[in-house]
Amino acid sequence: RGEVIAKGEHLRLGTTQLPLPSTLGLSRTE
Protein backbone atom coordinates (compact mmCIF):
# COMPACT_ATOMS: atom_id res chain seq x y z
CA ARG A 1 0.00 0.00 0.00
CA GLY A 2 3.02 2.28 -0.30
CA GLU A 3 3.31 2.97 3.43
CA VAL A 4 7.03 2.08 3.52
CA ILE A 5 9.24 4.44 1.48
CA ALA A 6 12.97 4.85 0.85
CA LYS A 7 13.76 8.51 0.28
CA GLY A 8 17.20 10.10 0.16
CA GLU A 9 19.25 8.72 3.02
CA HIS A 10 16.35 7.30 5.02
CA LEU A 11 13.85 4.45 5.03
CA ARG A 12 10.49 5.58 6.40
CA LEU A 13 8.25 3.11 8.24
CA GLY A 14 5.26 4.92 9.65
CA THR A 15 6.70 7.59 11.95
CA THR A 16 10.07 5.81 12.20
CA GLN A 17 13.01 6.77 10.00
CA LEU A 18 16.04 4.52 9.53
CA PRO A 19 19.35 5.72 8.04
CA LEU A 20 20.39 4.11 4.76
CA PRO A 21 24.08 3.48 4.00
CA SER A 22 25.48 5.70 1.25
CA THR A 23 26.89 2.59 -0.45
CA LEU A 24 23.36 1.73 -1.57
CA GLY A 25 23.53 4.66 -3.98
CA LEU A 26 19.82 5.43 -3.72
CA SER A 27 19.21 8.49 -5.91
CA ARG A 28 15.41 8.55 -6.06
CA THR A 29 12.36 7.94 -3.91
CA GLU A 30 11.38 4.31 -3.96
Full PDB file with SEQRES, HELIX, SHEET, SSBOND, CRYST1, ORIGX, SCALE, CONECT and MASTER records, all heavy atoms in Angstrom:
SEQRES   1 A   30  ARG GLY GLU VAL ILE ALA LYS GLY GLU HIS LEU ARG LEU          
SEQRES   2 A   30  GLY THR THR GLN LEU PRO LEU PRO SER THR LEU GLY LEU          
SEQRES   3 A   30  SER ARG THR GLU                                              
HELIX    1 AA1 SER A   22  LEU A   24  5                                   3    
SHEET    1 AA1 3 VAL A   4  LYS A   7  0                                        
SHEET    2 AA1 3 HIS A  10  LEU A  13 -1                                        
SHEET    3 AA1 3 THR A  16  PRO A  19 -1                                        
CRYST1    1.000    1.000    1.000  90.00  90.00  90.00 P 1           1          
ORIGX1      1.000000  0.000000  0.000000        0.00000                         
ORIGX2      0.000000  1.000000  0.000000        0.00000                         
ORIGX3      0.000000  0.000000  1.000000        0.00000                         
SCALE1      1.000000  0.000000  0.000000        0.00000                         
SCALE2      0.000000  1.000000  0.000000        0.00000                         
SCALE3      0.000000  0.000000  1.000000        0.00000                         
ATOM      1  N   ARG A   1       0.818  -1.219   0.000  1.00  0.00           N  
ATOM      2  CA  ARG A   1       0.000   0.000   0.000  1.00  0.00           C  
ATOM      3  C   ARG A   1       0.853   1.271   0.000  1.00  0.00           C  
ATOM      4  O   ARG A   1       0.326   2.375   0.173  1.00  0.00           O  
ATOM      5  CB  ARG A   1      -0.953  -0.017   1.194  1.00  0.00           C  
ATOM      6  CG  ARG A   1      -2.006  -1.136   1.072  1.00  0.00           C  
ATOM      7  CD  ARG A   1      -2.993  -1.151   2.213  1.00  0.00           C  
ATOM      8  NE  ARG A   1      -3.974  -2.216   2.024  1.00  0.00           N  
ATOM      9  CZ  ARG A   1      -4.877  -2.604   2.916  1.00  0.00           C  
ATOM     10  NH1 ARG A   1      -4.923  -1.991   4.104  1.00  0.00           N  
ATOM     11  NH2 ARG A   1      -5.725  -3.573   2.668  1.00  0.00           N  
ATOM     12  N   GLY A   2       2.147   1.120  -0.174  1.00  0.00           N  
ATOM     13  CA  GLY A   2       3.023   2.279  -0.298  1.00  0.00           C  
ATOM     14  C   GLY A   2       3.271   3.009   0.990  1.00  0.00           C  
ATOM     15  O   GLY A   2       3.639   4.196   0.979  1.00  0.00           O  
ATOM     16  N   GLU A   3       3.144   2.331   2.130  1.00  0.00           N  
ATOM     17  CA  GLU A   3       3.315   2.968   3.434  1.00  0.00           C  
ATOM     18  C   GLU A   3       4.738   2.836   3.962  1.00  0.00           C  
ATOM     19  O   GLU A   3       5.046   3.318   5.053  1.00  0.00           O  
ATOM     20  CB  GLU A   3       2.313   2.372   4.430  1.00  0.00           C  
ATOM     21  CG  GLU A   3       0.856   2.682   4.040  1.00  0.00           C  
ATOM     22  CD  GLU A   3      -0.153   1.874   4.825  1.00  0.00           C  
ATOM     23  OE1 GLU A   3       0.261   1.137   5.749  1.00  0.00           O  
ATOM     24  OE2 GLU A   3      -1.347   1.950   4.496  1.00  0.00           O  
ATOM     25  N   VAL A   4       5.605   2.160   3.198  1.00  0.00           N  
ATOM     26  CA  VAL A   4       7.032   2.076   3.521  1.00  0.00           C  
ATOM     27  C   VAL A   4       7.783   2.658   2.328  1.00  0.00           C  
ATOM     28  O   VAL A   4       7.613   2.207   1.194  1.00  0.00           O  
ATOM     29  CB  VAL A   4       7.465   0.621   3.773  1.00  0.00           C  
ATOM     30  CG1 VAL A   4       8.960   0.557   4.054  1.00  0.00           C  
ATOM     31  CG2 VAL A   4       6.678   0.019   4.938  1.00  0.00           C  
ATOM     32  N   ILE A   5       8.611   3.688   2.575  1.00  0.00           N  
ATOM     33  CA  ILE A   5       9.238   4.438   1.478  1.00  0.00           C  
ATOM     34  C   ILE A   5      10.721   4.665   1.783  1.00  0.00           C  
ATOM     35  O   ILE A   5      11.092   5.002   2.915  1.00  0.00           O  
ATOM     36  CB  ILE A   5       8.542   5.805   1.283  1.00  0.00           C  
ATOM     37  CG1 ILE A   5       7.080   5.597   0.859  1.00  0.00           C  
ATOM     38  CG2 ILE A   5       9.267   6.652   0.251  1.00  0.00           C  
ATOM     39  CD1 ILE A   5       6.274   6.880   0.823  1.00  0.00           C  
ATOM     40  N   ALA A   6      11.551   4.471   0.765  1.00  0.00           N  
ATOM     41  CA  ALA A   6      12.968   4.846   0.855  1.00  0.00           C  
ATOM     42  C   ALA A   6      13.137   6.172   0.133  1.00  0.00           C  
ATOM     43  O   ALA A   6      12.798   6.300  -1.048  1.00  0.00           O  
ATOM     44  CB  ALA A   6      13.840   3.776   0.215  1.00  0.00           C  
ATOM     45  N   LYS A   7      13.632   7.167   0.854  1.00  0.00           N  
ATOM     46  CA  LYS A   7      13.765   8.509   0.276  1.00  0.00           C  
ATOM     47  C   LYS A   7      15.070   9.127   0.752  1.00  0.00           C  
ATOM     48  O   LYS A   7      15.302   9.255   1.956  1.00  0.00           O  
ATOM     49  CB  LYS A   7      12.582   9.387   0.683  1.00  0.00           C  
ATOM     50  CG  LYS A   7      12.576  10.762   0.029  1.00  0.00           C  
ATOM     51  CD  LYS A   7      11.315  11.531   0.398  1.00  0.00           C  
ATOM     52  CE  LYS A   7      11.270  12.877  -0.319  1.00  0.00           C  
ATOM     53  NZ  LYS A   7      10.055  13.648   0.030  1.00  0.00           N  
ATOM     54  N   GLY A   8      15.917   9.487  -0.205  1.00  0.00           N  
ATOM     55  CA  GLY A   8      17.198  10.099   0.158  1.00  0.00           C  
ATOM     56  C   GLY A   8      18.036   9.138   0.959  1.00  0.00           C  
ATOM     57  O   GLY A   8      18.334   8.027   0.525  1.00  0.00           O  
ATOM     58  N   GLU A   9      18.382   9.544   2.167  1.00  0.00           N  
ATOM     59  CA  GLU A   9      19.250   8.722   3.018  1.00  0.00           C  
ATOM     60  C   GLU A   9      18.478   8.008   4.118  1.00  0.00           C  
ATOM     61  O   GLU A   9      19.073   7.540   5.095  1.00  0.00           O  
ATOM     62  CB  GLU A   9      20.329   9.609   3.641  1.00  0.00           C  
ATOM     63  CG  GLU A   9      21.250  10.255   2.611  1.00  0.00           C  
ATOM     64  CD  GLU A   9      22.284  11.163   3.261  1.00  0.00           C  
ATOM     65  OE1 GLU A   9      22.149  11.417   4.483  1.00  0.00           O  
ATOM     66  OE2 GLU A   9      23.205  11.598   2.564  1.00  0.00           O  
ATOM     67  N   HIS A  10      17.150   7.897   3.960  1.00  0.00           N  
ATOM     68  CA  HIS A  10      16.352   7.298   5.018  1.00  0.00           C  
ATOM     69  C   HIS A  10      15.306   6.332   4.464  1.00  0.00           C  
ATOM     70  O   HIS A  10      14.814   6.485   3.343  1.00  0.00           O  
ATOM     71  CB  HIS A  10      15.645   8.380   5.851  1.00  0.00           C  
ATOM     72  CG  HIS A  10      16.586   9.208   6.663  1.00  0.00           C  
ATOM     73  ND1 HIS A  10      17.148  10.362   6.169  1.00  0.00           N  
ATOM     74  CD2 HIS A  10      17.074   9.038   7.928  1.00  0.00           C  
ATOM     75  CE1 HIS A  10      17.934  10.890   7.094  1.00  0.00           C  
ATOM     76  NE2 HIS A  10      17.905  10.108   8.164  1.00  0.00           N  
ATOM     77  N   LEU A  11      14.975   5.351   5.284  1.00  0.00           N  
ATOM     78  CA  LEU A  11      13.851   4.455   5.034  1.00  0.00           C  
ATOM     79  C   LEU A  11      12.768   4.823   6.034  1.00  0.00           C  
ATOM     80  O   LEU A  11      13.009   4.847   7.241  1.00  0.00           O  
ATOM     81  CB  LEU A  11      14.281   2.999   5.232  1.00  0.00           C  
ATOM     82  CG  LEU A  11      13.182   1.941   5.055  1.00  0.00           C  
ATOM     83  CD1 LEU A  11      12.755   1.842   3.590  1.00  0.00           C  
ATOM     84  CD2 LEU A  11      13.684   0.573   5.543  1.00  0.00           C  
ATOM     85  N   ARG A  12      11.572   5.135   5.527  1.00  0.00           N  
ATOM     86  CA  ARG A  12      10.489   5.580   6.403  1.00  0.00           C  
ATOM     87  C   ARG A  12       9.478   4.457   6.589  1.00  0.00           C  
ATOM     88  O   ARG A  12       8.920   3.932   5.641  1.00  0.00           O  
ATOM     89  CB  ARG A  12       9.793   6.810   5.815  1.00  0.00           C  
ATOM     90  CG  ARG A  12       8.881   7.515   6.825  1.00  0.00           C  
ATOM     91  CD  ARG A  12       8.241   8.741   6.226  1.00  0.00           C  
ATOM     92  NE  ARG A  12       7.183   8.394   5.286  1.00  0.00           N  
ATOM     93  CZ  ARG A  12       6.877   9.086   4.199  1.00  0.00           C  
ATOM     94  NH1 ARG A  12       7.576  10.164   3.896  1.00  0.00           N  
ATOM     95  NH2 ARG A  12       5.886   8.714   3.412  1.00  0.00           N  
ATOM     96  N   LEU A  13       9.248   4.105   7.862  1.00  0.00           N  
ATOM     97  CA  LEU A  13       8.252   3.107   8.240  1.00  0.00           C  
ATOM     98  C   LEU A  13       7.307   3.770   9.230  1.00  0.00           C  
ATOM     99  O   LEU A  13       7.647   3.920  10.397  1.00  0.00           O  
ATOM    100  CB  LEU A  13       8.901   1.883   8.888  1.00  0.00           C  
ATOM    101  CG  LEU A  13      10.046   1.220   8.133  1.00  0.00           C  
ATOM    102  CD1 LEU A  13      11.377   1.580   8.767  1.00  0.00           C  
ATOM    103  CD2 LEU A  13       9.876  -0.285   8.117  1.00  0.00           C  
ATOM    104  N   GLY A  14       6.153   4.178   8.782  1.00  0.00           N  
ATOM    105  CA  GLY A  14       5.260   4.919   9.655  1.00  0.00           C  
ATOM    106  C   GLY A  14       5.941   6.204  10.105  1.00  0.00           C  
ATOM    107  O   GLY A  14       6.400   6.998   9.288  1.00  0.00           O  
ATOM    108  N   THR A  15       6.048   6.394  11.414  1.00  0.00           N  
ATOM    109  CA  THR A  15       6.704   7.590  11.953  1.00  0.00           C  
ATOM    110  C   THR A  15       8.191   7.356  12.225  1.00  0.00           C  
ATOM    111  O   THR A  15       8.883   8.255  12.696  1.00  0.00           O  
ATOM    112  CB  THR A  15       6.017   8.014  13.264  1.00  0.00           C  
ATOM    113  OG1 THR A  15       6.070   6.931  14.201  1.00  0.00           O  
ATOM    114  CG2 THR A  15       4.548   8.380  13.015  1.00  0.00           C  
ATOM    115  N   THR A  16       8.672   6.152  11.936  1.00  0.00           N  
ATOM    116  CA  THR A  16      10.071   5.806  12.195  1.00  0.00           C  
ATOM    117  C   THR A  16      10.910   6.013  10.942  1.00  0.00           C  
ATOM    118  O   THR A  16      10.501   5.647   9.834  1.00  0.00           O  
ATOM    119  CB  THR A  16      10.182   4.339  12.654  1.00  0.00           C  
ATOM    120  OG1 THR A  16       9.410   4.151  13.832  1.00  0.00           O  
ATOM    121  CG2 THR A  16      11.626   3.966  12.939  1.00  0.00           C  
ATOM    122  N   GLN A  17      12.076   6.614  11.100  1.00  0.00           N  
ATOM    123  CA  GLN A  17      13.011   6.774   9.997  1.00  0.00           C  
ATOM    124  C   GLN A  17      14.317   6.053  10.321  1.00  0.00           C  
ATOM    125  O   GLN A  17      14.860   6.222  11.405  1.00  0.00           O  
ATOM    126  CB  GLN A  17      13.297   8.254   9.714  1.00  0.00           C  
ATOM    127  CG  GLN A  17      12.147   8.970   9.040  1.00  0.00           C  
ATOM    128  CD  GLN A  17      12.611  10.227   8.340  1.00  0.00           C  
ATOM    129  OE1 GLN A  17      12.510  10.353   7.118  1.00  0.00           O  
ATOM    130  NE2 GLN A  17      13.113  11.173   9.093  1.00  0.00           N  
ATOM    131  N   LEU A  18      14.790   5.248   9.362  1.00  0.00           N  
ATOM    132  CA  LEU A  18      16.038   4.523   9.527  1.00  0.00           C  
ATOM    133  C   LEU A  18      17.069   5.059   8.544  1.00  0.00           C  
ATOM    134  O   LEU A  18      16.740   5.313   7.377  1.00  0.00           O  
ATOM    135  CB  LEU A  18      15.822   3.027   9.263  1.00  0.00           C  
ATOM    136  CG  LEU A  18      14.774   2.307  10.109  1.00  0.00           C  
ATOM    137  CD1 LEU A  18      14.614   0.880   9.624  1.00  0.00           C  
ATOM    138  CD2 LEU A  18      15.175   2.331  11.582  1.00  0.00           C  
ATOM    139  N   PRO A  19      18.315   5.234   8.973  1.00  0.00           N  
ATOM    140  CA  PRO A  19      19.354   5.718   8.045  1.00  0.00           C  
ATOM    141  C   PRO A  19      19.729   4.625   7.050  1.00  0.00           C  
ATOM    142  O   PRO A  19      19.811   3.448   7.395  1.00  0.00           O  
ATOM    143  CB  PRO A  19      20.524   6.044   8.974  1.00  0.00           C  
ATOM    144  CG  PRO A  19      20.315   5.163  10.160  1.00  0.00           C  
ATOM    145  CD  PRO A  19      18.831   5.022  10.330  1.00  0.00           C  
ATOM    146  N   LEU A  20      19.954   5.033   5.803  1.00  0.00           N  
ATOM    147  CA  LEU A  20      20.391   4.113   4.761  1.00  0.00           C  
ATOM    148  C   LEU A  20      21.870   4.344   4.480  1.00  0.00           C  
ATOM    149  O   LEU A  20      22.316   5.495   4.395  1.00  0.00           O  
ATOM    150  CB  LEU A  20      19.582   4.319   3.481  1.00  0.00           C  
ATOM    151  CG  LEU A  20      18.102   3.936   3.537  1.00  0.00           C  
ATOM    152  CD1 LEU A  20      17.397   4.362   2.249  1.00  0.00           C  
ATOM    153  CD2 LEU A  20      17.939   2.441   3.764  1.00  0.00           C  
ATOM    154  N   PRO A  21      22.643   3.290   4.300  1.00  0.00           N  
ATOM    155  CA  PRO A  21      24.076   3.481   3.996  1.00  0.00           C  
ATOM    156  C   PRO A  21      24.265   4.118   2.630  1.00  0.00           C  
ATOM    157  O   PRO A  21      23.545   3.803   1.671  1.00  0.00           O  
ATOM    158  CB  PRO A  21      24.627   2.050   4.034  1.00  0.00           C  
ATOM    159  CG  PRO A  21      23.456   1.158   3.847  1.00  0.00           C  
ATOM    160  CD  PRO A  21      22.277   1.873   4.426  1.00  0.00           C  
ATOM    161  N   SER A  22      25.223   5.001   2.522  1.00  0.00           N  
ATOM    162  CA  SER A  22      25.479   5.697   1.253  1.00  0.00           C  
ATOM    163  C   SER A  22      25.908   4.738   0.157  1.00  0.00           C  
ATOM    164  O   SER A  22      25.731   5.011  -1.034  1.00  0.00           O  
ATOM    165  CB  SER A  22      26.560   6.765   1.456  1.00  0.00           C  
ATOM    166  OG  SER A  22      27.760   6.168   1.935  1.00  0.00           O  
ATOM    167  N   THR A  23      26.445   3.575   0.540  1.00  0.00           N  
ATOM    168  CA  THR A  23      26.892   2.593  -0.447  1.00  0.00           C  
ATOM    169  C   THR A  23      25.738   2.014  -1.260  1.00  0.00           C  
ATOM    170  O   THR A  23      25.968   1.392  -2.297  1.00  0.00           O  
ATOM    171  CB  THR A  23      27.634   1.438   0.247  1.00  0.00           C  
ATOM    172  OG1 THR A  23      26.834   0.968   1.337  1.00  0.00           O  
ATOM    173  CG2 THR A  23      28.984   1.887   0.767  1.00  0.00           C  
ATOM    174  N   LEU A  24      24.500   2.203  -0.790  1.00  0.00           N  
ATOM    175  CA  LEU A  24      23.357   1.730  -1.571  1.00  0.00           C  
ATOM    176  C   LEU A  24      23.131   2.577  -2.812  1.00  0.00           C  
ATOM    177  O   LEU A  24      22.492   2.140  -3.772  1.00  0.00           O  
ATOM    178  CB  LEU A  24      22.081   1.729  -0.709  1.00  0.00           C  
ATOM    179  CG  LEU A  24      22.019   0.680   0.398  1.00  0.00           C  
ATOM    180  CD1 LEU A  24      20.781   0.883   1.252  1.00  0.00           C  
ATOM    181  CD2 LEU A  24      22.018  -0.723  -0.199  1.00  0.00           C  
ATOM    182  N   GLY A  25      23.634   3.805  -2.801  1.00  0.00           N  
ATOM    183  CA  GLY A  25      23.531   4.665  -3.975  1.00  0.00           C  
ATOM    184  C   GLY A  25      22.100   4.967  -4.382  1.00  0.00           C  
ATOM    185  O   GLY A  25      21.784   5.031  -5.572  1.00  0.00           O  
ATOM    186  N   LEU A  26      21.219   5.167  -3.408  1.00  0.00           N  
ATOM    187  CA  LEU A  26      19.816   5.435  -3.715  1.00  0.00           C  
ATOM    188  C   LEU A  26      19.658   6.895  -4.129  1.00  0.00           C  
ATOM    189  O   LEU A  26      19.860   7.805  -3.333  1.00  0.00           O  
ATOM    190  CB  LEU A  26      18.954   5.139  -2.479  1.00  0.00           C  
ATOM    191  CG  LEU A  26      17.449   5.084  -2.695  1.00  0.00           C  
ATOM    192  CD1 LEU A  26      17.077   3.918  -3.593  1.00  0.00           C  
ATOM    193  CD2 LEU A  26      16.725   4.954  -1.354  1.00  0.00           C  
ATOM    194  N   SER A  27      19.272   7.117  -5.383  1.00  0.00           N  
ATOM    195  CA  SER A  27      19.209   8.486  -5.907  1.00  0.00           C  
ATOM    196  C   SER A  27      17.787   8.978  -6.111  1.00  0.00           C  
ATOM    197  O   SER A  27      17.576  10.116  -6.517  1.00  0.00           O  
ATOM    198  CB  SER A  27      19.960   8.562  -7.244  1.00  0.00           C  
ATOM    199  OG  SER A  27      19.398   7.661  -8.180  1.00  0.00           O  
ATOM    200  N   ARG A  28      16.791   8.129  -5.842  1.00  0.00           N  
ATOM    201  CA  ARG A  28      15.411   8.546  -6.060  1.00  0.00           C  
ATOM    202  C   ARG A  28      14.518   7.933  -4.974  1.00  0.00           C  
ATOM    203  O   ARG A  28      14.903   6.988  -4.288  1.00  0.00           O  
ATOM    204  CB  ARG A  28      14.928   8.098  -7.437  1.00  0.00           C  
ATOM    205  CG  ARG A  28      15.006   6.589  -7.646  1.00  0.00           C  
ATOM    206  CD  ARG A  28      14.615   6.193  -9.059  1.00  0.00           C  
ATOM    207  NE  ARG A  28      14.796   4.762  -9.283  1.00  0.00           N  
ATOM    208  CZ  ARG A  28      13.941   3.829  -8.934  1.00  0.00           C  
ATOM    209  NH1 ARG A  28      12.821   4.154  -8.304  1.00  0.00           N  
ATOM    210  NH2 ARG A  28      14.179   2.552  -9.192  1.00  0.00           N  
ATOM    211  N   THR A  29      13.330   8.500  -4.851  1.00  0.00           N  
ATOM    212  CA  THR A  29      12.362   7.942  -3.909  1.00  0.00           C  
ATOM    213  C   THR A  29      11.858   6.605  -4.433  1.00  0.00           C  
ATOM    214  O   THR A  29      11.564   6.466  -5.618  1.00  0.00           O  
ATOM    215  CB  THR A  29      11.181   8.913  -3.727  1.00  0.00           C  
ATOM    216  OG1 THR A  29      11.678  10.135  -3.199  1.00  0.00           O  
ATOM    217  CG2 THR A  29      10.149   8.329  -2.778  1.00  0.00           C  
ATOM    218  N   GLU A  30      11.796   5.647  -3.554  1.00  0.00           N  
ATOM    219  CA  GLU A  30      11.378   4.311  -3.964  1.00  0.00           C  
ATOM    220  C   GLU A  30      10.343   3.779  -2.982  1.00  0.00           C  
ATOM    221  O   GLU A  30      10.541   3.825  -1.773  1.00  0.00           O  
ATOM    222  CB  GLU A  30      12.588   3.376  -4.025  1.00  0.00           C  
ATOM    223  CG  GLU A  30      12.290   2.019  -4.598  1.00  0.00           C  
ATOM    224  CD  GLU A  30      13.544   1.206  -4.854  1.00  0.00           C  
ATOM    225  OE1 GLU A  30      14.654   1.719  -4.605  1.00  0.00           O  
ATOM    226  OE2 GLU A  30      13.414   0.052  -5.301  1.00  0.00           O  
TER     227      GLU A  30                                                      
MASTER        0    0    0    1    3    0    0    6  226    1    0    3          
END                                                                             
